[in-house]
N, C-alpha and C. Protein backbone atom coordinates (compact mmCIF):
# COMPACT_ATOMS: atom_id res chain seq x y z
N MET A 1 -22.72 -65.45 64.56
CA MET A 1 -22.49 -65.56 65.97
C MET A 1 -23.67 -65.02 66.72
N SER A 2 -23.83 -65.52 67.89
CA SER A 2 -25.01 -65.19 68.65
C SER A 2 -24.85 -63.86 69.39
N PRO A 3 -25.92 -63.19 69.70
CA PRO A 3 -25.85 -61.97 70.50
C PRO A 3 -25.24 -62.14 71.88
N VAL A 4 -25.39 -63.35 72.41
CA VAL A 4 -24.81 -63.62 73.72
C VAL A 4 -23.31 -63.56 73.69
N PHE A 5 -22.76 -64.13 72.56
CA PHE A 5 -21.28 -64.06 72.38
C PHE A 5 -20.81 -62.61 72.34
N TRP A 6 -21.50 -61.73 71.59
CA TRP A 6 -21.13 -60.35 71.50
C TRP A 6 -21.31 -59.60 72.85
N LEU A 7 -22.30 -59.99 73.59
CA LEU A 7 -22.48 -59.39 74.91
C LEU A 7 -21.35 -59.76 75.81
N ILE A 8 -20.97 -61.02 75.81
CA ILE A 8 -19.85 -61.48 76.68
C ILE A 8 -18.56 -60.85 76.23
N LEU A 9 -18.38 -60.73 74.93
CA LEU A 9 -17.10 -60.06 74.43
C LEU A 9 -17.12 -58.56 74.84
N PHE A 10 -18.28 -57.95 74.74
CA PHE A 10 -18.37 -56.51 75.13
C PHE A 10 -18.08 -56.34 76.65
N ILE A 11 -18.59 -57.24 77.47
CA ILE A 11 -18.33 -57.18 78.92
C ILE A 11 -16.87 -57.38 79.23
N LYS A 12 -16.28 -58.34 78.51
CA LYS A 12 -14.79 -58.57 78.75
C LYS A 12 -13.97 -57.35 78.37
N LEU A 13 -14.30 -56.71 77.23
CA LEU A 13 -13.54 -55.55 76.81
C LEU A 13 -13.80 -54.40 77.80
N LEU A 14 -15.03 -54.27 78.28
CA LEU A 14 -15.30 -53.22 79.25
C LEU A 14 -14.51 -53.43 80.54
N LYS A 15 -14.41 -54.67 80.97
CA LYS A 15 -13.63 -54.95 82.20
C LYS A 15 -12.20 -54.64 81.99
N LYS A 16 -11.63 -54.93 80.79
CA LYS A 16 -10.26 -54.63 80.51
C LYS A 16 -9.98 -53.14 80.56
N ARG A 17 -10.93 -52.34 79.98
CA ARG A 17 -10.79 -50.87 80.04
C ARG A 17 -10.85 -50.35 81.41
N ILE A 18 -11.78 -50.90 82.23
CA ILE A 18 -11.94 -50.45 83.60
C ILE A 18 -10.65 -50.82 84.37
N MET A 19 -10.10 -52.03 84.14
CA MET A 19 -8.89 -52.44 84.82
C MET A 19 -7.74 -51.54 84.43
N ARG A 20 -7.69 -51.18 83.12
CA ARG A 20 -6.58 -50.32 82.65
C ARG A 20 -6.70 -48.98 83.26
N LYS A 21 -7.93 -48.41 83.35
CA LYS A 21 -8.12 -47.12 83.95
C LYS A 21 -7.74 -47.16 85.42
N ASN A 22 -8.18 -48.22 86.12
CA ASN A 22 -7.82 -48.35 87.53
C ASN A 22 -6.31 -48.46 87.75
N LEU A 23 -5.66 -49.16 86.83
CA LEU A 23 -4.26 -49.29 86.92
C LEU A 23 -3.52 -47.99 86.70
N LEU A 24 -4.00 -47.21 85.71
CA LEU A 24 -3.43 -45.86 85.45
C LEU A 24 -3.67 -44.95 86.58
N LEU A 25 -4.87 -44.99 87.20
CA LEU A 25 -5.16 -44.17 88.33
C LEU A 25 -4.31 -44.54 89.53
N PHE A 26 -4.11 -45.82 89.75
CA PHE A 26 -3.26 -46.27 90.84
C PHE A 26 -1.82 -45.81 90.62
N GLY A 27 -1.29 -45.95 89.38
CA GLY A 27 0.02 -45.45 89.08
C GLY A 27 0.19 -43.97 89.29
N ALA A 28 -0.85 -43.25 88.92
CA ALA A 28 -0.79 -41.75 89.11
C ALA A 28 -0.78 -41.44 90.59
N LEU A 29 -1.56 -42.11 91.38
CA LEU A 29 -1.60 -41.89 92.83
C LEU A 29 -0.27 -42.22 93.45
N ILE A 30 0.31 -43.30 93.07
CA ILE A 30 1.63 -43.70 93.60
C ILE A 30 2.68 -42.63 93.22
N SER A 31 2.65 -42.17 91.94
CA SER A 31 3.62 -41.16 91.52
C SER A 31 3.49 -39.86 92.28
N ALA A 32 2.21 -39.46 92.50
CA ALA A 32 1.99 -38.20 93.21
C ALA A 32 2.45 -38.38 94.70
N PHE A 33 2.26 -39.55 95.28
CA PHE A 33 2.74 -39.77 96.63
C PHE A 33 4.26 -39.70 96.70
N LEU A 34 4.91 -40.34 95.69
CA LEU A 34 6.38 -40.32 95.75
C LEU A 34 6.91 -38.92 95.52
N LEU A 35 6.35 -38.16 94.64
CA LEU A 35 6.82 -36.79 94.45
C LEU A 35 6.58 -35.96 95.71
N ALA A 36 5.44 -36.16 96.36
CA ALA A 36 5.18 -35.39 97.61
C ALA A 36 6.11 -35.81 98.72
N SER A 37 6.45 -37.05 98.82
CA SER A 37 7.30 -37.50 99.92
C SER A 37 8.76 -37.12 99.68
N CYS A 38 9.17 -36.87 98.42
CA CYS A 38 10.54 -36.51 98.16
C CYS A 38 10.76 -35.00 97.95
N SER A 39 9.74 -34.20 98.20
CA SER A 39 9.81 -32.78 97.92
C SER A 39 10.57 -32.00 99.02
N GLY A 40 10.82 -32.61 100.12
CA GLY A 40 11.60 -31.96 101.14
C GLY A 40 10.73 -31.45 102.31
N GLY A 41 9.47 -31.26 102.09
CA GLY A 41 8.56 -30.91 103.20
C GLY A 41 8.90 -29.65 103.87
N ASN A 42 9.80 -29.65 104.83
CA ASN A 42 10.10 -28.55 105.65
C ASN A 42 11.13 -27.61 104.87
N LYS A 43 10.67 -26.42 104.62
CA LYS A 43 11.51 -25.49 103.82
C LYS A 43 12.31 -24.46 104.68
N SER A 44 12.16 -24.58 105.96
CA SER A 44 12.81 -23.61 106.83
C SER A 44 14.34 -23.82 106.81
N GLN A 45 15.05 -22.69 106.80
CA GLN A 45 16.50 -22.84 106.73
C GLN A 45 17.06 -22.95 108.13
N SER A 46 17.95 -23.90 108.30
CA SER A 46 18.58 -24.03 109.61
C SER A 46 19.90 -23.21 109.58
N THR A 47 20.19 -22.63 110.67
CA THR A 47 21.41 -21.84 110.74
C THR A 47 22.47 -22.71 111.44
N THR A 48 23.66 -22.62 110.85
CA THR A 48 24.77 -23.33 111.46
C THR A 48 25.84 -22.29 111.82
N SER A 49 26.40 -22.56 112.93
CA SER A 49 27.52 -21.63 113.37
C SER A 49 28.82 -22.24 112.95
N VAL A 50 29.64 -21.45 112.38
CA VAL A 50 30.98 -21.88 111.93
C VAL A 50 31.98 -21.25 112.90
N SER A 51 32.69 -22.12 113.54
CA SER A 51 33.72 -21.58 114.46
C SER A 51 34.99 -21.37 113.71
N THR A 52 35.90 -20.56 114.30
CA THR A 52 37.19 -20.29 113.68
C THR A 52 38.02 -21.61 113.61
N ALA A 53 37.77 -22.49 114.52
CA ALA A 53 38.52 -23.78 114.48
C ALA A 53 38.15 -24.56 113.21
N ASN A 54 36.90 -24.54 112.82
CA ASN A 54 36.46 -25.24 111.61
C ASN A 54 37.04 -24.59 110.39
N VAL A 55 37.11 -23.29 110.37
CA VAL A 55 37.68 -22.56 109.22
C VAL A 55 39.19 -22.86 109.15
N GLU A 56 39.85 -22.89 110.29
CA GLU A 56 41.29 -23.21 110.31
C GLU A 56 41.59 -24.61 109.81
N ASP A 57 40.73 -25.52 110.21
CA ASP A 57 40.91 -26.90 109.79
C ASP A 57 40.67 -27.05 108.28
N ALA A 58 39.72 -26.32 107.79
CA ALA A 58 39.49 -26.33 106.33
C ALA A 58 40.64 -25.71 105.58
N MET A 59 41.18 -24.65 106.11
CA MET A 59 42.34 -24.00 105.46
C MET A 59 43.54 -24.97 105.45
N GLU A 60 43.72 -25.73 106.53
CA GLU A 60 44.80 -26.71 106.57
C GLU A 60 44.66 -27.78 105.50
N VAL A 61 43.41 -28.22 105.27
CA VAL A 61 43.11 -29.24 104.30
C VAL A 61 43.45 -28.63 102.86
N VAL A 62 43.00 -27.45 102.61
CA VAL A 62 43.29 -26.78 101.31
C VAL A 62 44.77 -26.63 101.13
N LYS A 63 45.48 -26.21 102.14
CA LYS A 63 46.94 -26.03 102.06
C LYS A 63 47.59 -27.38 101.77
N TYR A 64 47.18 -28.44 102.44
CA TYR A 64 47.74 -29.76 102.19
C TYR A 64 47.47 -30.19 100.74
N TYR A 65 46.30 -29.98 100.27
CA TYR A 65 45.88 -30.29 98.91
C TYR A 65 46.77 -29.59 97.88
N ASN A 66 46.94 -28.25 98.07
CA ASN A 66 47.74 -27.46 97.17
C ASN A 66 49.19 -27.95 97.19
N THR A 67 49.73 -28.24 98.38
CA THR A 67 51.11 -28.72 98.49
C THR A 67 51.27 -30.07 97.78
N SER A 68 50.28 -30.94 97.95
CA SER A 68 50.34 -32.29 97.31
C SER A 68 50.35 -32.12 95.77
N LEU A 69 49.49 -31.18 95.26
CA LEU A 69 49.46 -30.97 93.83
C LEU A 69 50.80 -30.42 93.30
N SER A 70 51.36 -29.50 94.01
CA SER A 70 52.61 -28.95 93.55
C SER A 70 53.76 -29.96 93.54
N VAL A 71 53.77 -30.86 94.54
CA VAL A 71 54.79 -31.90 94.57
C VAL A 71 54.54 -32.93 93.46
N LEU A 72 53.31 -33.28 93.19
CA LEU A 72 53.01 -34.25 92.17
C LEU A 72 53.34 -33.63 90.77
N LYS A 73 53.13 -32.37 90.58
CA LYS A 73 53.44 -31.77 89.32
C LYS A 73 54.94 -31.87 89.05
N ASP A 74 55.76 -31.78 90.06
CA ASP A 74 57.21 -31.87 89.91
C ASP A 74 57.69 -33.36 89.72
N VAL A 75 56.95 -34.27 90.28
CA VAL A 75 57.39 -35.65 90.25
C VAL A 75 56.87 -36.42 89.04
N VAL A 76 55.59 -36.17 88.69
CA VAL A 76 54.94 -36.99 87.63
C VAL A 76 54.90 -36.20 86.33
N ASN A 77 55.20 -36.90 85.26
CA ASN A 77 55.13 -36.26 83.92
C ASN A 77 53.66 -36.35 83.42
N GLU A 78 53.20 -35.29 82.80
CA GLU A 78 51.81 -35.25 82.35
C GLU A 78 51.54 -36.29 81.24
N LYS A 79 52.49 -36.54 80.43
CA LYS A 79 52.32 -37.51 79.31
C LYS A 79 52.18 -38.93 79.87
N ASP A 80 52.90 -39.22 80.97
CA ASP A 80 52.76 -40.56 81.60
C ASP A 80 51.34 -40.71 82.14
N VAL A 81 50.82 -39.66 82.79
CA VAL A 81 49.46 -39.81 83.35
C VAL A 81 48.42 -39.94 82.25
N ASN A 82 48.57 -39.23 81.16
CA ASN A 82 47.63 -39.33 80.06
C ASN A 82 47.74 -40.70 79.39
N ALA A 83 48.92 -41.29 79.35
CA ALA A 83 49.07 -42.62 78.80
C ALA A 83 48.35 -43.63 79.63
N VAL A 84 48.41 -43.48 80.95
CA VAL A 84 47.75 -44.45 81.87
C VAL A 84 46.21 -44.25 81.72
N LEU A 85 45.76 -43.00 81.64
CA LEU A 85 44.34 -42.76 81.58
C LEU A 85 43.70 -43.25 80.23
N GLU A 86 44.47 -43.23 79.18
CA GLU A 86 43.94 -43.63 77.89
C GLU A 86 43.83 -45.13 77.73
N ARG A 87 44.41 -45.90 78.59
CA ARG A 87 44.34 -47.37 78.45
C ARG A 87 43.02 -47.90 78.75
């Protein structure tokens, strides 16, 4: 084979390596940008005021939830629930 063939082959391989390095560099830059944009940026803590009305509403929800659970425990058999969940 002629030296020109080897030179052309060498240039093609060199171009592939350069393209591969450029692609890896581009991927690394994109990854760094995505990590930087998803990091949260502003780390200052915001203060929220909780009024007694919000706390009372939350307590009503918890009370309703607990009441619903106690009613369901009396109405529904645990074996029936497990049979439905296992299907």
